Amino acid sequence: MTRIEIIKSMRRRMEGQGFFEFNTPILTASSPEGARDFLVPSRIHPGKFYALPQAPQQYKQLLMMSGFDRYFQIAPCFRDEDPRADRLPGEFYQLDVEMSFVTQEDVFAAMEPVITGVFEEFAKGKPVTKGWRRIPFAEALRKYGSDKPDLRNPIEMQDVSEHFRGSGFKVFARMLEDPKNQVWAIPATGGGSRAFCDRMNSWAQGEGQPGLGYIMWREGGEGAGPLANNIGPERTAAIRAQIGLKEGDAAFFVAGDPDKFWKFSGLARNKVGEELNLTDKERFELAWIVDFPMYEYNEEDKKVDFSHNPFSMPQGGLEALKSQDPLTIKAFQYDITCNGYEIASGGIRNHVPEAMVKAFEIAGYGEQEVVDRFGGMYRAFQYGAPPHGGMAAGVDRIVMLLCGTTNLREISLFPMNQQAMDLLMGAPSEATTKQLRELHIRVNLPQK
């Protein structure tokens, strides 16, 4: 019942902002949105397949070409992904939005009041962020070890490499001889007891790490623990001064290549916040994460890939695509995060045909492939497209947060189980021989 009311509230607020609700097709063509498609075989066109939409991306952009400048939809989306507690298997709903003649700022100005308003309406008196912070992606990783940080936790990590460089703690000192390596400190206010530090160290080992170095500050401000003994009182005092700690506090240290350890450091930050009751559970902290990288390096395929949405405008436009190292290009892409969850994702679109082709070329697609796969949109752009952008907010995740649960199955009608099966209806089920014959399909099962 809460879900019904939340969706009503979203509709009311979007219409109040001058948006029109359009319904886009469910049977569509396959598109590289970043997940695996659900395919639907065509009986009329043997050997060909429709795809269920991962998102109405191309349709909503075509609506902008058509002169409808403010679109929204409570859109069903389908992705063949493995289930998780915060991701339903198969299908989910999103508040899908697109606007014409806008910059990133215009999208923020339109959507922030909508999402804030929905949260305030259903928060049952819990405080909701006013005036959202904007955190660049790189800063979010460095300070919080996550691109969806839980900002109810006040801990901010800091780079303390200088204090370990050339120090008596040889493990870190040797690591820092490689310029790409760093040491990050996770401050733990009130965590300065041996029992707590040992507990965190055991937790880290349970996470597959060799351990978690720490310094505790005792009465009189003296640093204690193996690290403090190795680096000496001056460096220990300098670390304490940099991260603003006092007697009775501790700091934990993660070292190595930040690209490899940022996720673990984020888990450790969350664990410290939770264990020391620093995380305020009775509030909703919303923020924009901005300046996502346009591309990332795919180690498996040894090639450059899109890191987020392939249809986004690179910062610097066509010029950046021609002259910059692809891995340094940032995109006009943004997420909304709340309490450690990503609840929305969006971007300003790449509406220039040459720039669209160049962006896909860098990720290994030829011009012909772009025309074949996105012909409708590519041709529409030739007529002159308005600058446009938008976002999509996950209805299910917003309902989950407002209902105070951490599992989407709690807030879903007829949810599938963790094996992506609907035991009530017996889905998925085997097709009959007649059905397969009509679809010109033969089943090729894996060997047991």
Protein backbone atom coordinates (compact mmCIF):
# COMPACT_ATOMS: atom_id res chain seq x y z
CA MET A 1 0.00 0.00 0.00
CA THR A 2 2.94 2.33 0.72
CA ARG A 3 4.29 1.59 -2.75
CA ILE A 4 0.97 2.66 -4.36
CA GLU A 5 1.04 5.94 -2.43
CA ILE A 6 4.72 6.61 -3.28
CA ILE A 7 4.04 6.11 -7.02
CA LYS A 8 0.98 8.41 -6.79
CA SER A 9 3.15 11.02 -5.08
CA MET A 10 5.82 10.73 -7.82
CA ARG A 11 3.20 11.18 -10.55
CA ARG A 12 1.63 14.18 -8.83
CA ARG A 13 4.99 15.90 -8.34
CA MET A 14 6.17 15.21 -11.92
CA GLU A 15 2.93 16.55 -13.41
CA GLY A 16 3.26 19.59 -11.15
CA GLN A 17 6.68 20.23 -12.74
CA GLY A 18 5.16 20.18 -16.23
CA PHE A 19 6.16 16.62 -17.22
CA PHE A 20 3.92 14.40 -19.41
CA GLU A 21 3.62 10.64 -18.95
CA PHE A 22 4.26 8.53 -22.06
CA ASN A 23 4.26 4.72 -22.29
CA THR A 24 7.02 3.27 -24.49
CA PRO A 25 7.13 -0.21 -26.12
CA ILE A 26 8.00 -3.37 -24.18
CA LEU A 27 9.01 -5.48 -27.22
CA THR A 28 12.05 -3.72 -28.61
CA ALA A 29 15.59 -4.29 -29.95
CA SER A 30 18.69 -5.36 -28.04
CA SER A 31 20.86 -2.48 -26.77
CA PRO A 32 24.16 -2.32 -24.81
CA GLU A 33 22.86 -0.86 -21.53
CA GLY A 34 25.44 -2.75 -19.53
CA ALA A 35 23.42 -5.83 -18.50
CA ARG A 36 22.21 -8.99 -20.25
CA ASP A 37 18.99 -8.75 -22.27
CA PHE A 38 15.93 -10.95 -21.96
CA LEU A 39 15.30 -12.15 -25.53
CA VAL A 40 11.87 -12.98 -26.99
CA PRO A 41 11.86 -15.16 -30.13
CA SER A 42 9.79 -13.93 -33.07
CA ARG A 43 7.41 -16.49 -34.62
CA ILE A 44 6.78 -14.33 -37.69
CA HIS A 45 10.49 -13.68 -38.34
CA PRO A 46 12.24 -17.03 -37.75
CA GLY A 47 15.67 -16.76 -36.13
CA LYS A 48 15.11 -13.17 -35.01
CA PHE A 49 14.50 -11.91 -31.47
CA TYR A 50 12.94 -8.98 -29.70
CA ALA A 51 14.50 -7.81 -26.43
CA LEU A 52 12.64 -6.61 -23.36
CA PRO A 53 13.82 -3.06 -22.55
CA GLN A 54 16.63 -2.68 -20.00
CA ALA A 55 15.42 0.94 -19.93
CA PRO A 56 13.39 3.11 -22.35
CA GLN A 57 16.61 5.01 -23.18
CA GLN A 58 16.35 5.37 -26.95
CA TYR A 59 12.59 5.93 -26.94
CA LYS A 60 12.75 8.75 -24.42
CA GLN A 61 15.54 10.42 -26.39
CA LEU A 62 13.45 10.10 -29.57
CA LEU A 63 10.57 11.80 -27.74
CA MET A 64 12.91 14.77 -27.19
CA MET A 65 13.57 14.80 -30.98
CA SER A 66 9.80 14.84 -31.52
CA GLY A 67 9.28 18.11 -29.67
CA PHE A 68 7.91 16.77 -26.37
CA ASP A 69 10.29 18.51 -24.01
CA ARG A 70 9.36 16.95 -20.64
CA TYR A 71 8.73 13.18 -20.43
CA PHE A 72 8.32 10.81 -17.53
CA GLN A 73 7.12 7.24 -17.07
CA ILE A 74 6.85 4.70 -14.25
CA ALA A 75 8.66 2.29 -16.54
CA PRO A 76 9.03 -1.49 -16.21
CA CYS A 77 12.63 -2.53 -17.03
CA PHE A 78 14.06 -6.01 -17.59
CA ARG A 79 17.63 -7.20 -17.01
CA ASP A 80 18.84 -10.79 -16.90
CA GLU A 81 21.04 -10.29 -13.83
CA ASP A 82 21.75 -12.45 -10.80
CA PRO A 83 19.51 -11.51 -7.87
CA ARG A 84 20.82 -9.66 -4.80
CA ALA A 85 19.09 -8.27 -1.72
CA ASP A 86 18.97 -4.80 -3.33
CA ARG A 87 18.30 -6.01 -6.91
CA LEU A 88 15.27 -8.00 -8.00
CA PRO A 89 15.80 -10.80 -10.51
CA GLY A 90 14.45 -9.95 -13.93
CA GLU A 91 12.27 -6.90 -13.59
CA PHE A 92 12.05 -3.62 -11.73
CA TYR A 93 10.31 -0.25 -12.07
CA GLN A 94 11.89 3.14 -12.42
CA LEU A 95 10.74 6.75 -12.49
CA ASP A 96 12.14 7.47 -15.95
CA VAL A 97 12.68 11.15 -16.87
CA GLU A 98 13.97 13.16 -19.85
CA MET A 99 14.06 16.92 -20.55
CA SER A 100 15.04 19.06 -23.55
CA PHE A 101 17.19 22.21 -23.70
CA VAL A 102 18.79 21.46 -20.34
CA THR A 103 22.16 21.39 -18.65
CA GLN A 104 23.09 19.16 -15.73
CA GLU A 105 22.08 22.01 -13.38
CA ASP A 106 18.55 22.14 -14.86
CA VAL A 107 18.04 18.40 -14.27
CA PHE A 108 19.22 18.79 -10.66
CA ALA A 109 16.91 21.78 -10.10
CA ALA A 110 13.89 19.86 -11.46
CA MET A 111 14.47 16.50 -9.77
CA GLU A 112 15.87 17.37 -6.35
CA PRO A 113 12.53 18.79 -5.07
CA VAL A 114 10.63 15.76 -6.46
CA ILE A 115 12.81 13.14 -4.72
CA THR A 116 13.19 15.22 -1.52
CA GLY A 117 9.41 15.73 -1.45
CA VAL A 118 8.67 12.01 -1.83
CA PHE A 119 11.10 11.17 0.99
CA GLU A 120 9.72 13.87 3.29
CA GLU A 121 6.16 12.69 2.67
CA PHE A 122 6.90 9.08 3.65
CA ALA A 123 9.84 9.45 6.10
CA LYS A 124 7.55 9.28 9.16
CA GLY A 125 9.23 12.32 10.69
CA LYS A 126 12.85 11.24 10.08
CA PRO A 127 15.04 14.14 8.86
CA VAL A 128 15.65 14.30 5.08
CA THR A 129 18.61 16.17 3.51
CA LYS A 130 17.90 19.74 2.42
CA GLY A 131 20.33 21.13 -0.18
CA TRP A 132 22.04 17.96 -1.41
CA ARG A 133 25.81 17.71 -1.52
CA ARG A 134 27.52 17.16 -4.87
CA ILE A 135 30.42 14.77 -4.56
CA PRO A 136 32.72 14.04 -7.54
CA PHE A 137 33.10 10.29 -8.19
CA ALA A 138 36.87 10.34 -7.48
CA GLU A 139 36.31 12.19 -4.16
CA ALA A 140 33.59 9.69 -3.14
CA LEU A 141 36.04 6.79 -3.61
CA ARG A 142 38.84 8.61 -1.76
CA LYS A 143 36.81 9.82 1.25
CA TYR A 144 34.21 7.05 1.58
CA GLY A 145 35.52 4.06 -0.40
CA SER A 146 32.24 3.89 -2.33
CA ASP A 147 30.46 5.53 -5.27
CA LYS A 148 27.26 5.25 -3.20
CA PRO A 149 28.47 6.43 0.22
CA ASP A 150 26.37 6.19 3.37
CA LEU A 151 26.63 9.82 4.50
CA ARG A 152 24.87 9.09 7.80
CA ASN A 153 28.33 7.85 8.80
CA PRO A 154 30.54 10.93 9.50
CA ILE A 155 33.87 9.11 8.91
CA GLU A 156 36.00 10.56 6.09
CA MET A 157 39.17 8.71 5.12
CA GLN A 158 42.41 10.60 4.49
CA ASP A 159 45.64 9.94 2.62
CA VAL A 160 48.40 9.74 5.27
CA SER A 161 51.14 8.33 3.00
CA GLU A 162 53.64 11.09 3.87
CA HIS A 163 53.82 9.99 7.52
CA PHE A 164 54.81 6.42 6.54
CA ARG A 165 57.22 7.25 3.70
CA GLY A 166 60.74 6.26 4.82
CA SER A 167 59.41 5.27 8.26
CA GLY A 168 60.40 2.39 10.54
CA PHE A 169 57.28 0.47 9.47
CA LYS A 170 58.97 -1.32 6.59
CA VAL A 171 55.83 -2.96 5.11
CA PHE A 172 54.24 0.44 4.30
CA ALA A 173 57.57 2.20 3.61
CA ARG A 174 58.47 -0.37 0.94
CA MET A 175 55.00 -0.19 -0.63
CA LEU A 176 55.29 3.60 -0.91
CA GLU A 177 58.42 3.29 -3.07
CA ASP A 178 55.94 2.64 -5.89
CA PRO A 179 54.43 6.10 -6.69
CA LYS A 180 50.94 4.70 -7.37
CA ASN A 181 50.63 3.20 -3.86
CA GLN A 182 49.10 5.11 -0.93
CA VAL A 183 48.21 4.64 2.76
CA TRP A 184 44.70 5.72 3.81
CA ALA A 185 43.60 6.30 7.41
CA ILE A 186 40.10 5.46 8.67
CA PRO A 187 39.52 7.55 11.83
CA ALA A 188 37.61 5.73 14.61
CA THR A 189 36.29 8.19 17.18
CA GLY A 190 35.98 6.40 20.53
CA GLY A 191 37.60 3.23 19.14
CA GLY A 192 40.83 3.41 21.15
CA SER A 193 40.56 0.08 22.98
CA ARG A 194 42.67 -3.00 22.33
CA ALA A 195 39.53 -5.20 22.28
CA PHE A 196 37.90 -3.10 19.51
CA CYS A 197 41.10 -2.90 17.44
CA ASP A 198 41.60 -6.67 17.70
CA ARG A 199 37.96 -7.22 16.67
CA MET A 200 38.44 -5.05 13.56
CA ASN A 201 41.66 -6.90 12.74
CA SER A 202 39.84 -10.27 12.93
CA TRP A 203 36.99 -8.89 10.80
CA ALA A 204 39.51 -7.80 8.11
CA GLN A 205 41.03 -11.30 8.07
CA GLY A 206 37.52 -12.71 7.60
CA GLU A 207 37.23 -10.43 4.54
CA GLY A 208 40.33 -12.06 3.04
CA GLN A 209 42.82 -9.34 4.08
CA PRO A 210 46.09 -10.03 5.92
CA GLY A 211 44.81 -7.78 8.75
CA LEU A 212 44.14 -4.12 9.54
CA GLY A 213 46.95 -1.98 11.00
CA TYR A 214 45.92 0.48 13.72
CA ILE A 215 47.14 3.13 16.16
CA MET A 216 45.32 3.87 19.45
CA TRP A 217 45.76 7.11 21.35
CA ARG A 218 45.84 6.62 25.12
CA GLU A 219 45.71 9.13 27.99
CA GLY A 220 48.37 11.78 27.63
CA GLY A 221 48.06 11.53 23.83
CA GLU A 222 50.61 8.73 23.39
CA GLY A 223 50.14 6.47 20.39
CA ALA A 224 50.00 2.73 21.13
CA GLY A 225 50.10 -0.46 19.08
CA PRO A 226 52.70 -2.09 16.77
CA LEU A 227 52.49 0.66 14.09
CA ALA A 228 53.05 3.45 16.65
CA ASN A 229 56.08 1.61 18.07
CA ASN A 230 57.56 1.22 14.56
CA ILE A 231 57.11 4.79 13.28
CA GLY A 232 57.84 6.65 16.53
CA PRO A 233 56.04 9.37 18.52
CA GLU A 234 56.61 12.29 16.10
CA ARG A 235 54.98 10.61 13.10
CA THR A 236 52.23 9.19 15.32
CA ALA A 237 51.46 12.69 16.63
CA ALA A 238 51.48 14.11 13.08
CA ILE A 239 48.92 11.48 11.93
CA ARG A 240 46.69 12.28 14.92
CA ALA A 241 46.91 16.03 14.16
CA GLN A 242 46.10 15.53 10.45
CA ILE A 243 42.97 13.45 11.04
CA GLY A 244 41.81 15.39 14.10
CA LEU A 245 41.69 12.64 16.73
CA LYS A 246 41.90 12.84 20.53
CA GLU A 247 42.66 10.56 23.49
CA GLY A 248 40.52 7.42 23.42
CA ASP A 249 40.34 7.38 19.59
CA ALA A 250 41.99 5.07 17.06
CA ALA A 251 42.80 5.02 13.36
CA PHE A 252 42.94 2.03 11.01
CA PHE A 253 45.19 1.93 7.93
CA VAL A 254 44.76 0.43 4.46
CA ALA A 255 47.74 0.42 2.08
CA GLY A 256 48.55 -0.46 -1.53
CA ASP A 257 47.13 0.57 -4.90
CA PRO A 258 43.93 2.59 -4.21
CA ASP A 259 42.36 1.19 -7.41
CA LYS A 260 42.53 -2.26 -5.79
CA PHE A 261 41.74 -1.44 -2.13
CA TRP A 262 39.10 1.33 -2.22
CA LYS A 263 36.20 -1.15 -1.97
CA PHE A 264 37.67 -2.84 1.10
CA SER A 265 38.43 0.53 2.72
CA GLY A 266 34.77 1.49 2.20
CA LEU A 267 33.62 -1.74 3.89
CA ALA A 268 36.00 -1.02 6.81
CA ARG A 269 34.64 2.55 7.09
CA ASN A 270 31.07 1.19 7.25
CA LYS A 271 32.08 -1.44 9.82
CA VAL A 272 33.76 1.14 12.11
CA GLY A 273 30.73 3.47 11.83
CA GLU A 274 28.37 0.63 12.67
CA GLU A 275 30.40 -0.87 15.54
CA LEU A 276 31.00 2.48 17.27
CA ASN A 277 27.39 3.67 16.71
CA LEU A 278 28.61 6.67 14.71
CA THR A 279 26.08 6.03 11.89
CA ASP A 280 22.79 7.83 12.56
CA LYS A 281 20.16 5.28 11.45
CA GLU A 282 17.23 7.69 11.93
CA ARG A 283 17.70 9.91 8.88
CA PHE A 284 17.79 9.95 5.06
CA GLU A 285 20.99 11.42 3.57
CA LEU A 286 20.62 12.18 -0.15
CA ALA A 287 23.45 13.37 -2.42
CA TRP A 288 24.46 13.71 -6.08
CA ILE A 289 27.57 11.80 -7.19
CA VAL A 290 28.94 13.64 -10.27
CA ASP A 291 31.82 13.54 -12.79
CA PHE A 292 31.82 9.80 -13.49
CA PRO A 293 34.57 8.55 -15.82
CA MET A 294 33.29 8.09 -19.39
CA TYR A 295 35.39 4.95 -19.96
CA GLU A 296 37.12 2.20 -17.98
CA TYR A 297 39.68 -0.44 -18.92
CA ASN A 298 38.22 -3.93 -19.21
CA GLU A 299 40.97 -6.25 -17.92
CA GLU A 300 39.18 -9.39 -19.16
CA ASP A 301 38.83 -8.30 -22.79
CA LYS A 302 41.91 -6.01 -22.71
CA LYS A 303 39.99 -3.08 -24.17
CA VAL A 304 38.44 0.28 -23.28
CA ASP A 305 34.72 0.04 -22.36
CA PHE A 306 31.98 2.48 -21.41
CA SER A 307 31.97 2.71 -17.63
CA HIS A 308 28.37 3.89 -17.24
CA ASN A 309 25.79 4.95 -19.84
CA PRO A 310 27.09 4.86 -23.45
CA PHE A 311 24.69 7.62 -24.54
CA SER A 312 26.15 10.30 -22.22
CA MET A 313 27.88 13.49 -23.34
CA PRO A 314 31.60 13.55 -22.53
CA GLN A 315 32.78 16.67 -20.71
CA GLY A 316 34.59 18.61 -23.42
CA GLY A 317 32.41 17.11 -26.18
CA LEU A 318 33.83 15.89 -29.51
CA GLU A 319 37.13 17.73 -28.88
CA ALA A 320 37.80 15.69 -25.72
CA LEU A 321 37.03 12.43 -27.58
CA LYS A 322 39.54 13.37 -30.30
CA SER A 323 42.39 14.71 -28.17
CA GLN A 324 42.22 13.24 -24.64
CA ASP A 325 43.30 9.87 -23.25
CA PRO A 326 39.89 8.11 -23.06
CA LEU A 327 40.53 6.96 -19.47
CA THR A 328 40.85 10.62 -18.33
CA ILE A 329 37.56 11.80 -19.90
CA LYS A 330 34.77 12.57 -17.46
CA ALA A 331 31.13 12.40 -18.50
CA PHE A 332 28.06 14.46 -17.71
CA GLN A 333 26.75 11.54 -15.67
CA TYR A 334 25.37 11.55 -12.17
CA ASP A 335 23.81 9.26 -9.56
CA ILE A 336 21.56 9.97 -6.61
CA THR A 337 22.59 8.07 -3.49
CA CYS A 338 20.74 7.56 -0.23
CA ASN A 339 22.05 5.82 2.91
CA GLY A 340 24.55 3.67 1.01
CA TYR A 341 22.30 2.80 -1.97
CA GLU A 342 22.31 4.14 -5.52
CA ILE A 343 18.66 5.15 -6.08
CA ALA A 344 18.95 6.99 -9.42
CA SER A 345 21.27 7.36 -12.35
CA GLY A 346 21.31 9.79 -15.25
CA GLY A 347 23.23 11.98 -17.64
CA ILE A 348 23.22 14.71 -20.25
CA ARG A 349 22.99 12.92 -23.60
CA ASN A 350 25.45 12.89 -26.45
CA HIS A 351 23.17 14.45 -29.11
CA VAL A 352 25.81 15.23 -31.78
CA PRO A 353 25.99 12.42 -34.43
CA GLU A 354 29.79 12.77 -34.99
CA ALA A 355 30.45 12.72 -31.24
CA MET A 356 28.15 9.69 -30.79
CA VAL A 357 30.03 7.73 -33.48
CA LYS A 358 33.43 8.77 -32.04
CA ALA A 359 32.36 7.78 -28.47
CA PHE A 360 31.32 4.31 -29.65
CA GLU A 361 34.45 3.98 -31.83
CA ILE A 362 36.67 4.37 -28.73
CA ALA A 363 34.78 1.46 -27.13
CA GLY A 364 35.38 -0.70 -30.21
CA TYR A 365 32.18 -0.18 -32.25
CA GLY A 366 32.47 0.80 -35.93
CA GLU A 367 30.21 3.48 -37.48
CA GLN A 368 28.23 0.82 -39.36
CA GLU A 369 27.58 -1.04 -36.11
CA VAL A 370 26.30 2.18 -34.49
CA VAL A 371 23.97 2.74 -37.47
CA ASP A 372 22.77 -0.89 -37.38
CA ARG A 373 22.11 -0.96 -33.62
CA PHE A 374 20.90 2.59 -32.97
CA GLY A 375 19.77 3.59 -36.45
CA GLY A 376 16.52 5.22 -35.30
CA MET A 377 18.26 7.55 -32.89
CA TYR A 378 21.30 8.12 -35.08
CA ARG A 379 19.13 9.20 -38.03
CA ALA A 380 16.95 11.39 -35.79
CA PHE A 381 20.08 13.22 -34.60
CA GLN A 382 20.87 14.16 -38.23
CA TYR A 383 17.89 16.53 -38.24
CA GLY A 384 19.30 18.53 -35.33
CA ALA A 385 18.63 17.36 -31.81
CA PRO A 386 17.98 19.61 -28.81
CA PRO A 387 20.52 19.31 -26.00
CA HIS A 388 18.73 16.92 -23.62
CA GLY A 389 19.26 14.85 -20.50
CA GLY A 390 17.48 13.02 -17.75
CA MET A 391 17.66 10.24 -15.22
CA ALA A 392 15.88 7.20 -13.84
CA ALA A 393 15.14 6.61 -10.16
CA GLY A 394 14.57 3.07 -8.86
CA VAL A 395 11.02 2.94 -7.52
CA ASP A 396 11.62 -0.39 -5.75
CA ARG A 397 14.75 0.82 -3.90
CA ILE A 398 13.04 4.06 -2.81
CA VAL A 399 10.08 2.06 -1.44
CA MET A 400 12.51 -0.33 0.29
CA LEU A 401 14.34 2.54 2.04
CA LEU A 402 11.13 4.30 3.08
CA CYS A 403 9.71 1.03 4.46
CA GLY A 404 12.88 0.58 6.55
CA THR A 405 13.96 -2.76 5.06
CA THR A 406 17.14 -3.82 3.24
CA ASN A 407 15.61 -6.52 1.01
CA LEU A 408 13.54 -5.76 -2.09
CA ARG A 409 11.58 -8.99 -1.76
CA GLU A 410 9.97 -7.51 1.39
CA ILE A 411 8.27 -4.79 -0.66
CA SER A 412 7.41 -6.71 -3.86
CA LEU A 413 4.16 -8.39 -4.83
CA PHE A 414 4.81 -12.04 -5.80
CA PRO A 415 8.62 -11.83 -5.59
CA MET A 416 10.83 -14.48 -7.18
CA ASN A 417 13.20 -16.44 -4.95
CA GLN A 418 17.01 -16.15 -4.92
CA GLN A 419 17.27 -18.59 -7.84
CA ALA A 420 15.10 -16.23 -9.97
CA MET A 421 12.17 -18.66 -9.86
CA ASP A 422 8.49 -17.89 -9.31
CA LEU A 423 7.49 -20.98 -7.34
CA LEU A 424 3.83 -19.91 -7.21
CA MET A 425 3.38 -19.81 -11.00
CA GLY A 426 6.09 -22.35 -11.79
CA ALA A 427 8.17 -19.94 -13.87
CA PRO A 428 10.41 -20.34 -15.73
CA SER A 429 8.88 -23.47 -17.25
CA GLU A 430 9.68 -25.71 -20.20
CA ALA A 431 8.08 -24.88 -23.54
CA THR A 432 6.03 -27.51 -25.37
CA THR A 433 7.37 -29.13 -28.54
CA LYS A 434 4.60 -27.36 -30.50
CA GLN A 435 5.62 -23.93 -29.12
CA LEU A 436 9.29 -24.52 -29.95
CA ARG A 437 8.41 -25.73 -33.46
CA GLU A 438 6.34 -22.59 -34.12
CA LEU A 439 9.30 -20.47 -33.03
CA HIS A 440 11.83 -22.50 -35.06
CA ILE A 441 13.87 -23.12 -31.91
CA ARG A 442 15.73 -26.21 -30.75
CA VAL A 443 16.81 -26.47 -27.09
CA ASN A 444 20.51 -27.19 -26.53
CA LEU A 445 20.81 -28.08 -22.83
CA PRO A 446 24.19 -28.11 -21.01
CA GLN A 447 25.71 -31.52 -20.24
CA LYS A 448 24.99 -32.60 -16.64
